[in-house]
C-alpha atoms as a PDB file:
ATOM      1  CA  UNK A   1     -22.847 -17.082  16.330  1.00  0.00           C
ATOM      2  CA  UNK A   2     -24.488 -15.165  19.181  1.00  0.00           C
ATOM      3  CA  UNK A   3     -27.988 -16.192  20.207  1.00  0.00           C
ATOM      4  CA  UNK A   4     -29.403 -12.666  19.920  1.00  0.00           C
ATOM      5  CA  UNK A   5     -29.001 -10.708  16.694  1.00  0.00           C
ATOM      6  CA  UNK A   6     -29.660  -7.009  17.370  1.00  0.00           C
ATOM      7  CA  UNK A   7     -29.567  -6.309  13.625  1.00  0.00           C
ATOM      8  CA  UNK A   8     -32.430  -8.684  12.883  1.00  0.00           C
ATOM      9  CA  UNK A   9     -34.812  -5.804  13.607  1.00  0.00           C
ATOM     10  CA  UNK A  10     -33.573  -3.925  10.537  1.00  0.00           C
ATOM     11  CA  UNK A  11     -33.746  -6.805   8.057  1.00  0.00           C
ATOM     12  CA  UNK A  12     -36.093  -5.786   5.251  1.00  0.00           C
ATOM     13  CA  UNK A  13     -37.094  -6.597   1.699  1.00  0.00           C
ATOM     14  CA  UNK A  14     -36.844  -9.725  -0.390  1.00  0.00           C
ATOM     15  CA  UNK A  15     -33.726 -11.710  -1.402  1.00  0.00           C
ATOM     16  CA  UNK A  16     -31.660  -9.388  -3.572  1.00  0.00           C
ATOM     17  CA  UNK A  17     -32.355  -6.312  -1.428  1.00  0.00           C
ATOM     18  CA  UNK A  18     -29.319  -5.157   0.538  1.00  0.00           C
ATOM     19  CA  UNK A  19     -30.052  -6.011   4.159  1.00  0.00           C
ATOM     20  CA  UNK A  20     -32.761  -8.597   3.549  1.00  0.00           C
ATOM     21  CA  UNK A  21     -30.794 -11.100   5.674  1.00  0.00           C
ATOM     22  CA  UNK A  22     -28.162 -10.193   8.279  1.00  0.00           C
ATOM     23  CA  UNK A  23     -25.885 -12.820   9.833  1.00  0.00           C
ATOM     24  CA  UNK A  24     -24.499 -11.628  13.167  1.00  0.00           C
ATOM     25  CA  UNK A  25     -21.381 -12.894  14.967  1.00  0.00           C
ATOM     26  CA  UNK A  26     -19.639 -12.023  18.202  1.00  0.00           C
ATOM     27  CA  UNK A  27     -16.222 -12.621  16.631  1.00  0.00           C
ATOM     28  CA  UNK A  28     -14.920 -13.884  13.295  1.00  0.00           C
ATOM     29  CA  UNK A  29     -11.534 -13.905  11.639  1.00  0.00           C
ATOM     30  CA  UNK A  30     -12.853 -11.727   8.821  1.00  0.00           C
ATOM     31  CA  UNK A  31     -16.381 -10.933   7.646  1.00  0.00           C
ATOM     32  CA  UNK A  32     -15.007 -11.258   4.099  1.00  0.00           C
ATOM     33  CA  UNK A  33     -14.131 -14.916   4.759  1.00  0.00           C
ATOM     34  CA  UNK A  34     -17.509 -15.753   6.302  1.00  0.00           C
ATOM     35  CA  UNK A  35     -19.334 -14.002   3.457  1.00  0.00           C
ATOM     36  CA  UNK A  36     -17.231 -15.892   0.900  1.00  0.00           C
ATOM     37  CA  UNK A  37     -18.347 -19.178   2.458  1.00  0.00           C
ATOM     38  CA  UNK A  38     -22.013 -18.105   2.440  1.00  0.00           C
ATOM     39  CA  UNK A  39     -21.741 -16.926  -1.159  1.00  0.00           C
ATOM     40  CA  UNK A  40     -20.251 -20.270  -2.111  1.00  0.00           C
ATOM     41  CA  UNK A  41     -23.293 -21.956  -0.559  1.00  0.00           C
ATOM     42  CA  UNK A  42     -25.577 -19.824  -2.751  1.00  0.00           C
ATOM     43  CA  UNK A  43     -26.525 -16.948  -0.444  1.00  0.00           C
ATOM     44  CA  UNK A  44     -28.614 -14.367  -2.280  1.00  0.00           C
ATOM     45  CA  UNK A  45     -27.453 -10.896  -3.201  1.00  0.00           C
ATOM     46  CA  UNK A  46     -27.949  -8.496  -0.322  1.00  0.00           C
ATOM     47  CA  UNK A  47     -26.959 -10.996   2.374  1.00  0.00           C
ATOM     48  CA  UNK A  48     -24.845  -9.274   5.044  1.00  0.00           C
ATOM     49  CA  UNK A  49     -22.336 -10.562   7.586  1.00  0.00           C
ATOM     50  CA  UNK A  50     -21.759  -8.333  10.635  1.00  0.00           C
ATOM     51  CA  UNK A  51     -19.309  -9.055  13.454  1.00  0.00           C
ATOM     52  CA  UNK A  52     -18.692  -7.305  16.761  1.00  0.00           C
ATOM     53  CA  UNK A  53     -15.002  -8.058  16.370  1.00  0.00           C
ATOM     54  CA  UNK A  54     -12.629  -9.351  13.682  1.00  0.00           C
ATOM     55  CA  UNK A  55      -9.441 -11.096  14.716  1.00  0.00           C
ATOM     56  CA  UNK A  56      -8.039 -10.807  11.176  1.00  0.00           C
ATOM     57  CA  UNK A  57      -9.874  -7.873   9.597  1.00  0.00           C
ATOM     58  CA  UNK A  58      -8.671  -7.017   6.112  1.00  0.00           C
ATOM     59  CA  UNK A  59      -8.381  -3.708   4.356  1.00  0.00           C
ATOM     60  CA  UNK A  60      -7.367  -2.713   0.871  1.00  0.00           C
ATOM     61  CA  UNK A  61      -4.071  -4.030  -0.575  1.00  0.00           C
ATOM     62  CA  UNK A  62      -3.820  -6.753   2.101  1.00  0.00           C
ATOM     63  CA  UNK A  63      -3.564  -4.371   5.048  1.00  0.00           C
ATOM     64  CA  UNK A  64      -4.956  -5.305   8.435  1.00  0.00           C
ATOM     65  CA  UNK A  65      -7.946  -3.440   9.873  1.00  0.00           C
ATOM     66  CA  UNK A  66      -7.900  -2.659  13.620  1.00  0.00           C
ATOM     67  CA  UNK A  67     -11.117  -4.238  14.912  1.00  0.00           C
ATOM     68  CA  UNK A  68     -11.866  -3.733  18.627  1.00  0.00           C
ATOM     69  CA  UNK A  69     -15.094  -5.258  19.935  1.00  0.00           C
ATOM     70  CA  UNK A  70     -18.509  -3.751  20.443  1.00  0.00           C
ATOM     71  CA  UNK A  71     -18.004  -0.184  19.194  1.00  0.00           C
ATOM     72  CA  UNK A  72     -17.788  -0.138  15.399  1.00  0.00           C
ATOM     73  CA  UNK A  73     -19.385  -1.588  12.267  1.00  0.00           C
ATOM     74  CA  UNK A  74     -17.532  -4.416  10.518  1.00  0.00           C
ATOM     75  CA  UNK A  75     -19.536  -5.965   7.706  1.00  0.00           C
ATOM     76  CA  UNK A  76     -19.480  -7.589   4.295  1.00  0.00           C
ATOM     77  CA  UNK A  77     -22.292  -7.520   1.741  1.00  0.00           C
ATOM     78  CA  UNK A  78     -22.686 -10.196  -0.933  1.00  0.00           C
ATOM     79  CA  UNK A  79     -23.431  -8.660  -4.339  1.00  0.00           C
ATOM     80  CA  UNK A  80     -24.045 -10.434  -7.628  1.00  0.00           C
ATOM     81  CA  UNK A  81     -23.755  -7.616 -10.176  1.00  0.00           C
ATOM     82  CA  UNK A  82     -23.841  -7.944 -13.959  1.00  0.00           C
ATOM     83  CA  UNK A  83     -20.451  -6.256 -14.340  1.00  0.00           C
ATOM     84  CA  UNK A  84     -17.178  -6.971 -16.104  1.00  0.00           C
ATOM     85  CA  UNK A  85     -14.503  -7.776 -13.513  1.00  0.00           C
ATOM     86  CA  UNK A  86     -12.596  -4.628 -14.479  1.00  0.00           C
ATOM     87  CA  UNK A  87     -15.487  -2.521 -13.200  1.00  0.00           C
ATOM     88  CA  UNK A  88     -15.734  -4.131  -9.753  1.00  0.00           C
ATOM     89  CA  UNK A  89     -13.531  -1.465  -8.061  1.00  0.00           C
ATOM     90  CA  UNK A  90     -16.213   1.123  -8.885  1.00  0.00           C
ATOM     91  CA  UNK A  91     -18.417  -0.534  -6.280  1.00  0.00           C
ATOM     92  CA  UNK A  92     -16.057   0.843  -3.614  1.00  0.00           C
ATOM     93  CA  UNK A  93     -16.963   4.333  -4.805  1.00  0.00           C
ATOM     94  CA  UNK A  94     -20.681   3.500  -4.772  1.00  0.00           C
ATOM     95  CA  UNK A  95     -20.353   2.204  -1.210  1.00  0.00           C
ATOM     96  CA  UNK A  96     -18.415   5.331  -0.306  1.00  0.00           C
ATOM     97  CA  UNK A  97     -21.302   7.533  -1.383  1.00  0.00           C
ATOM     98  CA  UNK A  98     -23.773   5.417   0.614  1.00  0.00           C
ATOM     99  CA  UNK A  99     -21.511   5.506   3.689  1.00  0.00           C
ATOM    100  CA  UNK A 100     -21.086   9.278   3.388  1.00  0.00           C
ATOM    101  CA  UNK A 101     -24.828   9.780   3.104  1.00  0.00           C
ATOM    102  CA  UNK A 102     -25.428   7.571   6.153  1.00  0.00           C
ATOM    103  CA  UNK A 103     -22.739   9.304   8.225  1.00  0.00           C
ATOM    104  CA  UNK A 104     -24.131  12.701   7.248  1.00  0.00           C
ATOM    105  CA  UNK A 105     -27.122  11.911   9.475  1.00  0.00           C
ATOM    106  CA  UNK A 106     -24.825  11.281  12.453  1.00  0.00           C
ATOM    107  CA  UNK A 107     -22.032  13.789  11.787  1.00  0.00           C
ATOM    108  CA  UNK A 108     -23.454  16.516   9.528  1.00  0.00           C
ATOM    109  CA  UNK A 109     -20.942  18.694   7.728  1.00  0.00           C
ATOM    110  CA  UNK A 110     -17.920  16.563   8.651  1.00  0.00           C
ATOM    111  CA  UNK A 111     -18.035  13.823   6.011  1.00  0.00           C
ATOM    112  CA  UNK A 112     -15.657  13.522   3.055  1.00  0.00           C
ATOM    113  CA  UNK A 113     -14.406  10.779   0.722  1.00  0.00           C
ATOM    114  CA  UNK A 114     -10.772  10.181  -0.187  1.00  0.00           C
ATOM    115  CA  UNK A 115     -10.318   8.279  -3.458  1.00  0.00           C
ATOM    116  CA  UNK A 116     -10.517   5.417  -3.843  1.00  0.00           C
ATOM    117  CA  UNK A 117     -11.985   3.921  -0.677  1.00  0.00           C
ATOM    118  CA  UNK A 118     -11.515   5.974   2.505  1.00  0.00           C
ATOM    119  CA  UNK A 119     -14.262   7.717   4.466  1.00  0.00           C
ATOM    120  CA  UNK A 120     -13.283  10.777   6.503  1.00  0.00           C
ATOM    121  CA  UNK A 121     -14.793  12.768   9.331  1.00  0.00           C
ATOM    122  CA  UNK A 122     -13.238  16.143  10.041  1.00  0.00           C
ATOM    123  CA  UNK A 123     -10.198  15.340   7.885  1.00  0.00           C
ATOM    124  CA  UNK A 124      -9.384  12.017   9.562  1.00  0.00           C
ATOM    125  CA  UNK A 125     -10.119   8.472   8.462  1.00  0.00           C
ATOM    126  CA  UNK A 126     -13.194   6.866   9.988  1.00  0.00           C
ATOM    127  CA  UNK A 127     -13.835   4.087   7.486  1.00  0.00           C
ATOM    128  CA  UNK A 128     -12.572   1.949   4.663  1.00  0.00           C
ATOM    129  CA  UNK A 129     -14.120  -0.117   1.894  1.00  0.00           C
ATOM    130  CA  UNK A 130     -12.930  -3.151  -0.064  1.00  0.00           C
ATOM    131  CA  UNK A 131     -14.642  -4.638  -3.144  1.00  0.00           C
ATOM    132  CA  UNK A 132     -13.333  -8.176  -3.652  1.00  0.00           C
ATOM    133  CA  UNK A 133     -14.237 -10.073  -6.830  1.00  0.00           C
ATOM    134  CA  UNK A 134     -14.872 -13.825  -6.566  1.00  0.00           C
ATOM    135  CA  UNK A 135     -14.397 -15.609  -9.886  1.00  0.00           C
ATOM    136  CA  UNK A 136     -15.203 -19.019 -11.334  1.00  0.00           C
ATOM    137  CA  UNK A 137     -12.716 -21.338 -13.024  1.00  0.00           C
ATOM    138  CA  UNK A 138     -13.186 -19.410 -16.289  1.00  0.00           C
ATOM    139  CA  UNK A 139     -12.378 -16.147 -14.493  1.00  0.00           C
ATOM    140  CA  UNK A 140     -15.993 -15.052 -14.823  1.00  0.00           C
ATOM    141  CA  UNK A 141     -17.450 -12.969 -11.983  1.00  0.00           C
ATOM    142  CA  UNK A 142     -19.375 -15.111  -9.475  1.00  0.00           C
ATOM    143  CA  UNK A 143     -19.977 -12.404  -6.879  1.00  0.00           C
ATOM    144  CA  UNK A 144     -18.494  -9.378  -5.149  1.00  0.00           C
ATOM    145  CA  UNK A 145     -17.741  -9.260  -1.424  1.00  0.00           C
ATOM    146  CA  UNK A 146     -18.178  -5.611  -0.447  1.00  0.00           C
ATOM    147  CA  UNK A 147     -16.484  -5.040   2.892  1.00  0.00           C
ATOM    148  CA  UNK A 148     -17.151  -1.893   4.931  1.00  0.00           C
ATOM    149  CA  UNK A 149     -15.524  -0.911   8.225  1.00  0.00           C
ATOM    150  CA  UNK A 150     -16.678   2.220  10.060  1.00  0.00           C
ATOM    151  CA  UNK A 151     -15.375   3.575  13.349  1.00  0.00           C
ATOM    152  CA  UNK A 152     -18.568   4.498  15.163  1.00  0.00           C
ATOM    153  CA  UNK A 153     -18.272   4.601  18.969  1.00  0.00           C
ATOM    154  CA  UNK A 154     -14.539   3.999  19.259  1.00  0.00           C
ATOM    155  CA  UNK A 155     -13.239   6.226  22.104  1.00  0.00           C
ATOM    156  CA  UNK A 156     -10.098   8.274  21.520  1.00  0.00           C
ATOM    157  CA  UNK A 157      -8.269   6.325  24.242  1.00  0.00           C
ATOM    158  CA  UNK A 158      -8.699   3.108  22.244  1.00  0.00           C
ATOM    159  CA  UNK A 159      -7.071   4.389  19.062  1.00  0.00           C
ATOM    160  CA  UNK A 160      -3.718   2.772  18.367  1.00  0.00           C
ATOM    161  CA  UNK A 161      -0.938   5.286  19.182  1.00  0.00           C
ATOM    162  CA  UNK A 162       0.262   5.365  15.573  1.00  0.00           C
ATOM    163  CA  UNK A 163      -3.261   6.254  14.384  1.00  0.00           C
ATOM    164  CA  UNK A 164      -4.187   9.021  16.836  1.00  0.00           C
ATOM    165  CA  UNK A 165      -3.363  11.845  14.445  1.00  0.00           C
ATOM    166  CA  UNK A 166      -4.805  10.031  11.406  1.00  0.00           C
ATOM    167  CA  UNK A 167      -7.997   8.245  12.465  1.00  0.00           C
ATOM    168  CA  UNK A 168     -11.238   9.133  14.195  1.00  0.00           C
ATOM    169  CA  UNK A 169     -14.748   7.843  14.908  1.00  0.00           C
ATOM    170  CA  UNK A 170     -18.232   9.308  14.921  1.00  0.00           C
ATOM    171  CA  UNK A 171     -18.030   9.554  18.708  1.00  0.00           C
ATOM    172  CA  UNK A 172     -14.661  11.326  18.662  1.00  0.00           C
ATOM    173  CA  UNK A 173     -15.695  13.704  15.859  1.00  0.00           C
ATOM    174  CA  UNK A 174     -19.076  14.660  17.343  1.00  0.00           C
ATOM    175  CA  UNK A 175     -18.633  14.065  21.070  1.00  0.00           C
ATOM    176  CA  UNK A 176     -21.753  11.873  21.094  1.00  0.00           C
ATOM    177  CA  UNK A 177     -22.555   8.172  21.141  1.00  0.00           C
ATOM    178  CA  UNK A 178     -24.048   6.959  17.859  1.00  0.00           C
ATOM    179  CA  UNK A 179     -26.779   4.366  17.418  1.00  0.00           C
ATOM    180  CA  UNK A 180     -24.906   1.699  15.472  1.00  0.00           C
ATOM    181  CA  UNK A 181     -28.016  -0.210  14.475  1.00  0.00           C
ATOM    182  CA  UNK A 182     -29.727   2.962  13.290  1.00  0.00           C
ATOM    183  CA  UNK A 183     -26.620   3.922  11.323  1.00  0.00           C
ATOM    184  CA  UNK A 184     -26.508   0.458   9.758  1.00  0.00           C
ATOM    185  CA  UNK A 185     -30.175   0.768   8.727  1.00  0.00           C
ATOM    186  CA  UNK A 186     -29.510   4.048   6.911  1.00  0.00           C
ATOM    187  CA  UNK A 187     -26.335   2.655   5.339  1.00  0.00           C
ATOM    188  CA  UNK A 188     -28.105  -0.400   3.924  1.00  0.00           C
ATOM    189  CA  UNK A 189     -31.019   1.675   2.620  1.00  0.00           C
ATOM    190  CA  UNK A 190     -28.705   4.188   0.937  1.00  0.00           C
ATOM    191  CA  UNK A 191     -26.505   1.447  -0.526  1.00  0.00           C
ATOM    192  CA  UNK A 192     -29.486  -0.446  -1.887  1.00  0.00           C
ATOM    193  CA  UNK A 193     -30.743   2.738  -3.533  1.00  0.00           C
ATOM    194  CA  UNK A 194     -27.359   3.711  -4.982  1.00  0.00           C
ATOM    195  CA  UNK A 195     -26.627   0.169  -6.153  1.00  0.00           C
ATOM    196  CA  UNK A 196     -29.954  -0.019  -7.988  1.00  0.00           C
ATOM    197  CA  UNK A 197     -29.182   3.368  -9.522  1.00  0.00           C
ATOM    198  CA  UNK A 198     -25.879   2.242 -11.040  1.00  0.00           C
ATOM    199  CA  UNK A 199     -27.393  -1.075 -12.174  1.00  0.00           C
ATOM    200  CA  UNK A 200     -30.037   0.915 -14.029  1.00  0.00           C
ATOM    201  CA  UNK A 201     -28.110   3.974 -15.242  1.00  0.00           C
ATOM    202  CA  UNK A 202     -24.411   3.094 -14.979  1.00  0.00           C
ATOM    203  CA  UNK A 203     -21.731   4.418 -12.638  1.00  0.00           C
ATOM    204  CA  UNK A 204     -21.838   7.932 -14.099  1.00  0.00           C
ATOM    205  CA  UNK A 205     -25.220   8.416 -12.381  1.00  0.00           C
ATOM    206  CA  UNK A 206     -23.619   8.678  -8.945  1.00  0.00           C
ATOM    207  CA  UNK A 207     -20.525  10.572  -9.995  1.00  0.00           C
ATOM    208  CA  UNK A 208     -21.980  13.986  -8.949  1.00  0.00           C
ATOM    209  CA  UNK A 209     -22.785  12.627  -5.474  1.00  0.00           C
ATOM    210  CA  UNK A 210     -19.245  11.299  -5.054  1.00  0.00           C
ATOM    211  CA  UNK A 211     -17.810  14.628  -6.232  1.00  0.00           C
ATOM    212  CA  UNK A 212     -19.822  16.511  -3.587  1.00  0.00           C
ATOM    213  CA  UNK A 213     -17.990  14.590  -0.859  1.00  0.00           C
ATOM    214  CA  UNK A 214     -14.539  14.559  -2.488  1.00  0.00           C
ATOM    215  CA  UNK A 215     -11.746  15.452  -0.064  1.00  0.00           C
ATOM    216  CA  UNK A 216      -9.195  15.656  -2.873  1.00  0.00           C
ATOM    217  CA  UNK A 217     -10.591  17.908  -5.607  1.00  0.00           C
ATOM    218  CA  UNK A 218      -8.410  20.981  -6.066  1.00  0.00           C
ATOM    219  CA  UNK A 219      -5.620  19.612  -3.853  1.00  0.00           C
ATOM    220  CA  UNK A 220      -2.107  18.686  -4.867  1.00  0.00           C
ATOM    221  CA  UNK A 221      -1.375  15.014  -4.271  1.00  0.00           C
ATOM    222  CA  UNK A 222       1.133  12.294  -5.037  1.00  0.00           C
ATOM    223  CA  UNK A 223      -0.113   8.923  -6.262  1.00  0.00           C
ATOM    224  CA  UNK A 224       2.093   5.883  -5.706  1.00  0.00           C
ATOM    225  CA  UNK A 225       1.396   2.693  -7.669  1.00  0.00           C
ATOM    226  CA  UNK A 226       4.205   0.207  -7.185  1.00  0.00           C
ATOM    227  CA  UNK A 227       7.403   1.894  -8.301  1.00  0.00           C
ATOM    228  CA  UNK A 228       5.533   4.640 -10.182  1.00  0.00           C
ATOM    229  CA  UNK A 229       4.903   8.048  -8.633  1.00  0.00           C
ATOM    230  CA  UNK A 230       2.867  10.830 -10.157  1.00  0.00           C
ATOM    231  CA  UNK A 231       2.088  14.259  -8.693  1.00  0.00           C
ATOM    232  CA  UNK A 232      -0.565  16.746  -9.666  1.00  0.00           C
ATOM    233  CA  UNK A 233      -3.751  18.567  -8.742  1.00  0.00           C
ATOM    234  CA  UNK A 234      -6.923  16.507  -8.451  1.00  0.00           C
ATOM    235  CA  UNK A 235      -9.749  17.522 -10.792  1.00  0.00           C
ATOM    236  CA  UNK A 236     -12.282  14.911  -9.631  1.00  0.00           C
ATOM    237  CA  UNK A 237     -13.198  11.515 -11.067  1.00  0.00           C
ATOM    238  CA  UNK A 238     -14.349  10.525 -14.526  1.00  0.00           C
ATOM    239  CA  UNK A 239     -17.445   8.574 -15.540  1.00  0.00           C
ATOM    240  CA  UNK A 240     -15.569   5.320 -14.877  1.00  0.00           C
ATOM    241  CA  UNK A 241     -14.402   6.249 -11.392  1.00  0.00           C
ATOM    242  CA  UNK A 242     -10.771   6.975 -12.270  1.00  0.00           C
ATOM    243  CA  UNK A 243      -9.030   9.867 -10.526  1.00  0.00           C
ATOM    244  CA  UNK A 244      -8.282  12.828 -12.808  1.00  0.00           C
ATOM    245  CA  UNK A 245      -4.981  14.552 -12.154  1.00  0.00           C
ATOM    246  CA  UNK A 246      -3.568  17.660 -13.781  1.00  0.00           C
ATOM    247  CA  UNK A 247       0.193  17.093 -13.922  1.00  0.00           C
ATOM    248  CA  UNK A 248       3.066  19.136 -15.308  1.00  0.00           C
ATOM    249  CA  UNK A 249       2.732  17.180 -18.553  1.00  0.00           C
ATOM    250  CA  UNK A 250      -1.064  17.211 -18.892  1.00  0.00           C
ATOM    251  CA  UNK A 251      -4.151  15.390 -17.670  1.00  0.00           C
ATOM    252  CA  UNK A 252      -3.600  11.907 -16.198  1.00  0.00           C
ATOM    253  CA  UNK A 253      -6.226   9.261 -15.501  1.00  0.00           C
ATOM    254  CA  UNK A 254      -5.378   7.209 -12.388  1.00  0.00           C
ATOM    255  CA  UNK A 255      -7.011   3.799 -12.019  1.00  0.00           C
ATOM    256  CA  UNK A 256      -5.088   2.406  -9.026  1.00  0.00           C
ATOM    257  CA  UNK A 257      -2.685   3.729  -6.434  1.00  0.00           C
ATOM    258  CA  UNK A 258      -2.245   5.203  -2.964  1.00  0.00           C
ATOM    259  CA  UNK A 259      -2.851   8.928  -2.688  1.00  0.00           C
ATOM    260  CA  UNK A 260      -0.982  11.122  -0.222  1.00  0.00           C
ATOM    261  CA  UNK A 261      -1.889  14.724   0.497  1.00  0.00           C
ATOM    262  CA  UNK A 262       0.453  17.278   2.010  1.00  0.00           C
ATOM    263  CA  UNK A 263      -0.701  18.097   5.523  1.00  0.00           C
ATOM    264  CA  UNK A 264      -3.326  15.346   5.713  1.00  0.00           C
ATOM    265  CA  UNK A 265      -3.700  11.643   6.419  1.00  0.00           C
ATOM    266  CA  UNK A 266      -2.049   9.518   3.710  1.00  0.00           C
END
């Protein structure tokens, strides 16, 4: 762990508040792994692990997450929600809304969300979210490790060649450096507010906010889930966070899958 924690200045609230305690590292394998260890030791809800670099960053469905040092936000938040395990994936959508609201302050008018867990700026991916359930021996929910990666000050020259037409950062999209610590402060405040909202009123309370940022609504897409493929026009999400698709045979409700859009990042 580095001696100086620049994020300590934005710690706030009591245990349980998102951002009340922030653990800062120069480099870790994965913030998810470090957070899992802290959660196992009893760390309170709202505890955050941030790293300058991840040597083994993880994305959704076991994918790796490109994690260069000193330019982006790589973090995991420990949550202890009163949720059935089946509802844990909805927390990715909640985090998406909070991330979109935070990025709106840095890149106004460019932010969109691609179901289920991608954050876009100007039609290219700038972030991803993973909600990982940790269970006990009875398969009860012990905690959720909510991982968020955002490309903030990544220069275009540092994008991997295979990602240059698919990915972006706040700096690339706006032409300006972004205050990472300030962005993190807004992100944690918005996430704490949105998380409390769904704890109080259920997921449906933030559905309109997610819909406002939806990159997919009205577009024709193909969803791939294992060997299954289904095509149709996106009509938004339902009160449970599932993607609604109008297909040739009627309305379909999509719970999992990869979505590809003609002419856009997939």
